[in-house]
Amino acid sequence: MFNPVHNQTNRLAAFPVIGKSIVSSLLVGLLCAVGYAVKAEPIAGRLVSQQLTKNADSVVQRLTGQWQTKVSANSSLTLIFAPESKLFIVLPSNSNTAPAMQLRYRVASSTSSPMQIDLTTSDNKTAPTIFEFTADGKLRMQLNDINSGQPRPSAFKSNAMVFEKVSNNTSLPANAQLRQPGALPQR
């Protein structure tokens, strides 16, 4: 049986971590001696952070656009996820104009199940809630029974709303009339 420790020509191969540490130390020492500033950062933390950012970005891209759900036979509730973390909620209306409100949103966690999102009103009240993309590409979101100051739901209730993506458009419909409420919509 071959023992690399006894093979003097391959001693560093027997201990690859030690060999890399020695080479890294020599390289850092050489760079410092020549006058270069060296900043050591753990690469693993950066890679995890970059991966989480990429994951959150892909979730935001998937959210972006118009999502609708039927609230009655002839009216729909529309969510519009727009750039710059804007969320427009267009409420159903029997008149020619549909009331709409603007919130801010932040995907708080794209790695948890269900994912977490924070909805913030114009007066900076934040209601934490949950959402997920279903297997058929729909958006399930817990919008009922959420309020500022209450804990985030940990699971969907039977009244969770399911939205279907109808467009990638992020503009308000022409008949929408924007209002700035002090509270989240209650149903």
C-alpha atoms as a PDB file:
ATOM      1  CA  MET A   1       0.000   0.000   0.000  1.00  0.00           C
ATOM      2  CA  PHE A   2       1.344   3.419  -0.946  1.00  0.00           C
ATOM      3  CA  ASN A   3       1.689   5.931   1.887  1.00  0.00           C
ATOM      4  CA  PRO A   4       2.085   9.493   0.585  1.00  0.00           C
ATOM      5  CA  VAL A   5       3.457  10.676   3.951  1.00  0.00           C
ATOM      6  CA  HIS A   6       6.550   8.534   3.492  1.00  0.00           C
ATOM      7  CA  ASN A   7       7.004   9.711  -0.075  1.00  0.00           C
ATOM      8  CA  GLN A   8       9.158  12.815   0.414  1.00  0.00           C
ATOM      9  CA  THR A   9       8.548  14.143  -3.101  1.00  0.00           C
ATOM     10  CA  ASN A  10       4.765  14.182  -2.563  1.00  0.00           C
ATOM     11  CA  ARG A  11       4.590  15.403   1.032  1.00  0.00           C
ATOM     12  CA  LEU A  12       2.441  18.472   0.210  1.00  0.00           C
ATOM     13  CA  ALA A  13       0.075  16.278  -1.790  1.00  0.00           C
ATOM     14  CA  ALA A  14      -0.567  14.245   1.359  1.00  0.00           C
ATOM     15  CA  PHE A  15      -1.780  17.354   3.142  1.00  0.00           C
ATOM     16  CA  PRO A  16      -3.449  19.532   0.475  1.00  0.00           C
ATOM     17  CA  VAL A  17      -4.879  22.024   2.978  1.00  0.00           C
ATOM     18  CA  ILE A  18      -1.485  22.599   4.591  1.00  0.00           C
ATOM     19  CA  GLY A  19       0.126  22.946   1.178  1.00  0.00           C
ATOM     20  CA  LYS A  20      -2.456  25.523   0.093  1.00  0.00           C
ATOM     21  CA  SER A  21      -2.080  27.411   3.376  1.00  0.00           C
ATOM     22  CA  ILE A  22       1.689  27.629   2.943  1.00  0.00           C
ATOM     23  CA  VAL A  23       1.338  28.841  -0.646  1.00  0.00           C
ATOM     24  CA  SER A  24      -1.351  31.363   0.369  1.00  0.00           C
ATOM     25  CA  SER A  25       0.792  32.677   3.247  1.00  0.00           C
ATOM     26  CA  LEU A  26       3.783  33.067   0.958  1.00  0.00           C
ATOM     27  CA  LEU A  27       1.658  34.878  -1.625  1.00  0.00           C
ATOM     28  CA  VAL A  28       0.199  37.275   0.975  1.00  0.00           C
ATOM     29  CA  GLY A  29       3.671  37.910   2.421  1.00  0.00           C
ATOM     30  CA  LEU A  30       5.094  38.579  -1.033  1.00  0.00           C
ATOM     31  CA  LEU A  31       2.277  40.986  -1.934  1.00  0.00           C
ATOM     32  CA  CYS A  32       2.721  42.897   1.346  1.00  0.00           C
ATOM     33  CA  ALA A  33       6.488  43.100   0.847  1.00  0.00           C
ATOM     34  CA  VAL A  34       6.007  44.571  -2.620  1.00  0.00           C
ATOM     35  CA  GLY A  35       3.621  47.206  -1.255  1.00  0.00           C
ATOM     36  CA  TYR A  36       0.171  45.876  -2.140  1.00  0.00           C
ATOM     37  CA  ALA A  37      -2.610  46.175   0.408  1.00  0.00           C
ATOM     38  CA  VAL A  38      -4.208  42.835   1.158  1.00  0.00           C
ATOM     39  CA  LYS A  39      -7.758  42.447   2.438  1.00  0.00           C
ATOM     40  CA  ALA A  40      -8.764  38.987   3.584  1.00  0.00           C
ATOM     41  CA  GLU A  41     -12.449  38.080   3.316  1.00  0.00           C
ATOM     42  CA  PRO A  42     -14.040  34.709   3.817  1.00  0.00           C
ATOM     43  CA  ILE A  43     -15.153  33.631   0.360  1.00  0.00           C
ATOM     44  CA  ALA A  44     -17.839  31.268   1.642  1.00  0.00           C
ATOM     45  CA  GLY A  45     -19.814  34.118   3.235  1.00  0.00           C
ATOM     46  CA  ARG A  46     -19.630  36.145   0.047  1.00  0.00           C
ATOM     47  CA  LEU A  47     -20.769  33.227  -2.092  1.00  0.00           C
ATOM     48  CA  VAL A  48     -23.731  32.453   0.168  1.00  0.00           C
ATOM     49  CA  SER A  49     -24.687  36.133   0.215  1.00  0.00           C
ATOM     50  CA  GLN A  50     -24.420  36.361  -3.578  1.00  0.00           C
ATOM     51  CA  GLN A  51     -26.529  33.212  -4.000  1.00  0.00           C
ATOM     52  CA  LEU A  52     -29.236  34.550  -1.654  1.00  0.00           C
ATOM     53  CA  THR A  53     -29.269  37.845  -3.561  1.00  0.00           C
ATOM     54  CA  LYS A  54     -29.571  36.015  -6.895  1.00  0.00           C
ATOM     55  CA  ASN A  55     -32.391  33.868  -5.500  1.00  0.00           C
ATOM     56  CA  ALA A  56     -34.261  36.921  -4.151  1.00  0.00           C
ATOM     57  CA  ASP A  57     -33.738  38.724  -7.474  1.00  0.00           C
ATOM     58  CA  SER A  58     -35.207  35.809  -9.429  1.00  0.00           C
ATOM     59  CA  VAL A  59     -38.230  35.737  -7.089  1.00  0.00           C
ATOM     60  CA  VAL A  60     -38.745  39.490  -7.595  1.00  0.00           C
ATOM     61  CA  GLN A  61     -38.503  38.997 -11.380  1.00  0.00           C
ATOM     62  CA  ARG A  62     -41.083  36.238 -11.182  1.00  0.00           C
ATOM     63  CA  LEU A  63     -43.405  38.427  -9.082  1.00  0.00           C
ATOM     64  CA  THR A  64     -43.101  41.424 -11.424  1.00  0.00           C
ATOM     65  CA  GLY A  65     -46.279  42.027 -13.408  1.00  0.00           C
ATOM     66  CA  GLN A  66     -50.040  41.834 -12.904  1.00  0.00           C
ATOM     67  CA  TRP A  67     -51.735  39.084 -10.906  1.00  0.00           C
ATOM     68  CA  GLN A  68     -55.516  38.682 -10.595  1.00  0.00           C
ATOM     69  CA  THR A  69     -57.995  36.705  -8.546  1.00  0.00           C
ATOM     70  CA  LYS A  70     -61.788  36.605  -8.821  1.00  0.00           C
ATOM     71  CA  VAL A  71     -63.584  38.023  -5.783  1.00  0.00           C
ATOM     72  CA  SER A  72     -67.040  37.670  -7.311  1.00  0.00           C
ATOM     73  CA  ALA A  73     -68.584  36.535 -10.588  1.00  0.00           C
ATOM     74  CA  ASN A  74     -67.724  39.783 -12.385  1.00  0.00           C
ATOM     75  CA  SER A  75     -64.969  41.490 -10.370  1.00  0.00           C
ATOM     76  CA  SER A  76     -61.294  40.841  -9.751  1.00  0.00           C
ATOM     77  CA  LEU A  77     -58.657  41.978  -7.298  1.00  0.00           C
ATOM     78  CA  THR A  78     -55.388  42.853  -9.036  1.00  0.00           C
ATOM     79  CA  LEU A  79     -51.876  42.968  -7.608  1.00  0.00           C
ATOM     80  CA  ILE A  80     -49.247  44.772  -9.664  1.00  0.00           C
ATOM     81  CA  PHE A  81     -45.651  44.170  -8.610  1.00  0.00           C
ATOM     82  CA  ALA A  82     -43.661  47.015 -10.161  1.00  0.00           C
ATOM     83  CA  PRO A  83     -39.996  48.079 -10.211  1.00  0.00           C
ATOM     84  CA  GLU A  84     -38.486  49.852  -7.219  1.00  0.00           C
ATOM     85  CA  SER A  85     -40.339  47.548  -4.785  1.00  0.00           C
ATOM     86  CA  LYS A  86     -43.731  49.088  -5.546  1.00  0.00           C
ATOM     87  CA  LEU A  87     -46.907  47.075  -5.154  1.00  0.00           C
ATOM     88  CA  PHE A  88     -50.206  48.404  -6.452  1.00  0.00           C
ATOM     89  CA  ILE A  89     -53.444  46.827  -5.280  1.00  0.00           C
ATOM     90  CA  VAL A  90     -56.360  47.561  -7.602  1.00  0.00           C
ATOM     91  CA  LEU A  91     -59.592  46.906  -5.742  1.00  0.00           C
ATOM     92  CA  PRO A  92     -62.750  45.638  -7.422  1.00  0.00           C
ATOM     93  CA  SER A  93     -65.276  48.334  -8.244  1.00  0.00           C
ATOM     94  CA  ASN A  94     -68.757  48.607  -9.738  1.00  0.00           C
ATOM     95  CA  SER A  95     -68.004  52.064 -11.150  1.00  0.00           C
ATOM     96  CA  ASN A  96     -65.852  53.149 -14.090  1.00  0.00           C
ATOM     97  CA  THR A  97     -62.937  53.942 -11.794  1.00  0.00           C
ATOM     98  CA  ALA A  98     -61.192  51.327  -9.706  1.00  0.00           C
ATOM     99  CA  PRO A  99     -59.657  52.437  -6.415  1.00  0.00           C
ATOM    100  CA  ALA A 100     -55.995  51.530  -6.144  1.00  0.00           C
ATOM    101  CA  MET A 101     -53.416  51.864  -3.428  1.00  0.00           C
ATOM    102  CA  GLN A 102     -49.660  51.850  -3.521  1.00  0.00           C
ATOM    103  CA  LEU A 103     -47.567  49.903  -1.046  1.00  0.00           C
ATOM    104  CA  ARG A 104     -43.920  48.958  -0.889  1.00  0.00           C
ATOM    105  CA  TYR A 105     -42.901  45.342  -0.715  1.00  0.00           C
ATOM    106  CA  ARG A 106     -39.777  43.503   0.273  1.00  0.00           C
ATOM    107  CA  VAL A 107     -39.105  39.806  -0.141  1.00  0.00           C
ATOM    108  CA  ALA A 108     -37.943  39.066   3.394  1.00  0.00           C
ATOM    109  CA  SER A 109     -36.946  35.468   2.654  1.00  0.00           C
ATOM    110  CA  SER A 110     -36.936  33.633  -0.641  1.00  0.00           C
ATOM    111  CA  THR A 111     -35.425  30.489   0.849  1.00  0.00           C
ATOM    112  CA  SER A 112     -38.018  29.732   3.530  1.00  0.00           C
ATOM    113  CA  SER A 113     -41.113  27.697   2.808  1.00  0.00           C
ATOM    114  CA  PRO A 114     -43.445  29.452   2.426  1.00  0.00           C
ATOM    115  CA  MET A 115     -41.486  32.506   1.289  1.00  0.00           C
ATOM    116  CA  GLN A 116     -41.803  35.701   3.308  1.00  0.00           C
ATOM    117  CA  ILE A 117     -42.796  39.158   2.134  1.00  0.00           C
ATOM    118  CA  ASP A 118     -43.275  42.462   3.963  1.00  0.00           C
ATOM    119  CA  LEU A 119     -45.957  44.918   2.804  1.00  0.00           C
ATOM    120  CA  THR A 120     -45.444  48.521   3.908  1.00  0.00           C
ATOM    121  CA  THR A 121     -47.981  51.349   3.706  1.00  0.00           C
ATOM    122  CA  SER A 122     -47.239  55.001   2.949  1.00  0.00           C
ATOM    123  CA  ASP A 123     -47.173  55.746   6.689  1.00  0.00           C
ATOM    124  CA  ASN A 124     -44.487  53.065   7.206  1.00  0.00           C
ATOM    125  CA  LYS A 125     -46.645  50.406   8.831  1.00  0.00           C
ATOM    126  CA  THR A 126     -45.385  46.992   7.804  1.00  0.00           C
ATOM    127  CA  ALA A 127     -47.454  43.827   7.720  1.00  0.00           C
ATOM    128  CA  PRO A 128     -45.378  40.673   7.415  1.00  0.00           C
ATOM    129  CA  THR A 129     -46.938  37.829   5.457  1.00  0.00           C
ATOM    130  CA  ILE A 130     -46.177  34.757   3.363  1.00  0.00           C
ATOM    131  CA  PHE A 131     -46.436  33.703  -0.279  1.00  0.00           C
ATOM    132  CA  GLU A 132     -45.515  30.900  -2.632  1.00  0.00           C
ATOM    133  CA  PHE A 133     -45.614  29.975  -6.285  1.00  0.00           C
ATOM    134  CA  THR A 134     -47.826  26.953  -6.845  1.00  0.00           C
ATOM    135  CA  ALA A 135     -46.872  24.033  -9.070  1.00  0.00           C
ATOM    136  CA  ASP A 136     -49.045  25.478 -11.856  1.00  0.00           C
ATOM    137  CA  GLY A 137     -47.346  28.914 -11.682  1.00  0.00           C
ATOM    138  CA  LYS A 138     -49.952  30.753  -9.623  1.00  0.00           C
ATOM    139  CA  LEU A 139     -49.223  33.004  -6.662  1.00  0.00           C
ATOM    140  CA  ARG A 140     -50.676  32.055  -3.281  1.00  0.00           C
ATOM    141  CA  MET A 141     -50.537  34.870  -0.740  1.00  0.00           C
ATOM    142  CA  GLN A 142     -51.934  35.321   2.745  1.00  0.00           C
ATOM    143  CA  LEU A 143     -53.521  38.798   2.590  1.00  0.00           C
ATOM    144  CA  ASN A 144     -56.425  38.324   4.982  1.00  0.00           C
ATOM    145  CA  ASP A 145     -55.849  38.542   8.733  1.00  0.00           C
ATOM    146  CA  ILE A 146     -52.487  40.324   8.491  1.00  0.00           C
ATOM    147  CA  ASN A 147     -51.727  43.583  10.247  1.00  0.00           C
ATOM    148  CA  SER A 148     -48.823  45.758  11.238  1.00  0.00           C
ATOM    149  CA  GLY A 149     -47.382  44.681  14.574  1.00  0.00           C
ATOM    150  CA  GLN A 150     -48.642  41.113  14.317  1.00  0.00           C
ATOM    151  CA  PRO A 151     -46.318  38.172  13.752  1.00  0.00           C
ATOM    152  CA  ARG A 152     -45.862  36.736  10.297  1.00  0.00           C
ATOM    153  CA  PRO A 153     -48.147  33.772   9.587  1.00  0.00           C
ATOM    154  CA  SER A 154     -46.217  30.505   9.524  1.00  0.00           C
ATOM    155  CA  ALA A 155     -48.683  28.675   7.274  1.00  0.00           C
ATOM    156  CA  PHE A 156     -51.470  29.498   4.845  1.00  0.00           C
ATOM    157  CA  LYS A 157     -55.008  29.685   6.185  1.00  0.00           C
ATOM    158  CA  SER A 158     -58.054  28.552   4.241  1.00  0.00           C
ATOM    159  CA  ASN A 159     -58.669  32.193   3.229  1.00  0.00           C
ATOM    160  CA  ALA A 160     -55.303  32.572   1.448  1.00  0.00           C
ATOM    161  CA  MET A 161     -55.760  34.105  -1.994  1.00  0.00           C
ATOM    162  CA  VAL A 162     -54.549  32.500  -5.216  1.00  0.00           C
ATOM    163  CA  PHE A 163     -53.654  34.840  -8.085  1.00  0.00           C
ATOM    164  CA  GLU A 164     -53.029  34.070 -11.728  1.00  0.00           C
ATOM    165  CA  LYS A 165     -50.446  36.076 -13.666  1.00  0.00           C
ATOM    166  CA  VAL A 166     -52.239  37.948 -16.440  1.00  0.00           C
ATOM    167  CA  SER A 167     -49.505  40.274 -17.692  1.00  0.00           C
ATOM    168  CA  ASN A 168     -45.901  41.378 -17.279  1.00  0.00           C
ATOM    169  CA  ASN A 169     -47.118  44.991 -17.476  1.00  0.00           C
ATOM    170  CA  THR A 170     -46.275  46.982 -14.337  1.00  0.00           C
ATOM    171  CA  SER A 171     -48.401  50.074 -15.067  1.00  0.00           C
ATOM    172  CA  LEU A 172     -51.684  50.885 -13.390  1.00  0.00           C
ATOM    173  CA  PRO A 173     -54.764  50.323 -15.578  1.00  0.00           C
ATOM    174  CA  ALA A 174     -56.210  53.496 -17.128  1.00  0.00           C
ATOM    175  CA  ASN A 175     -59.316  53.346 -14.927  1.00  0.00           C
ATOM    176  CA  ALA A 176     -57.364  53.014 -11.659  1.00  0.00           C
ATOM    177  CA  GLN A 177     -57.521  55.924  -9.238  1.00  0.00           C
ATOM    178  CA  LEU A 178     -54.554  55.894  -6.864  1.00  0.00           C
ATOM    179  CA  ARG A 179     -55.227  56.543  -3.168  1.00  0.00           C
ATOM    180  CA  GLN A 180     -52.758  56.546  -0.311  1.00  0.00           C
ATOM    181  CA  PRO A 181     -54.326  54.728   2.616  1.00  0.00           C
ATOM    182  CA  GLY A 182     -52.962  54.666   6.123  1.00  0.00           C
ATOM    183  CA  ALA A 183     -53.730  50.988   6.535  1.00  0.00           C
ATOM    184  CA  LEU A 184     -53.603  47.782   4.590  1.00  0.00           C
ATOM    185  CA  PRO A 185     -56.800  46.754   2.823  1.00  0.00           C
ATOM    186  CA  GLN A 186     -59.167  44.691   4.936  1.00  0.00           C
ATOM    187  CA  ARG A 187     -61.551  42.202   3.419  1.00  0.00           C
END
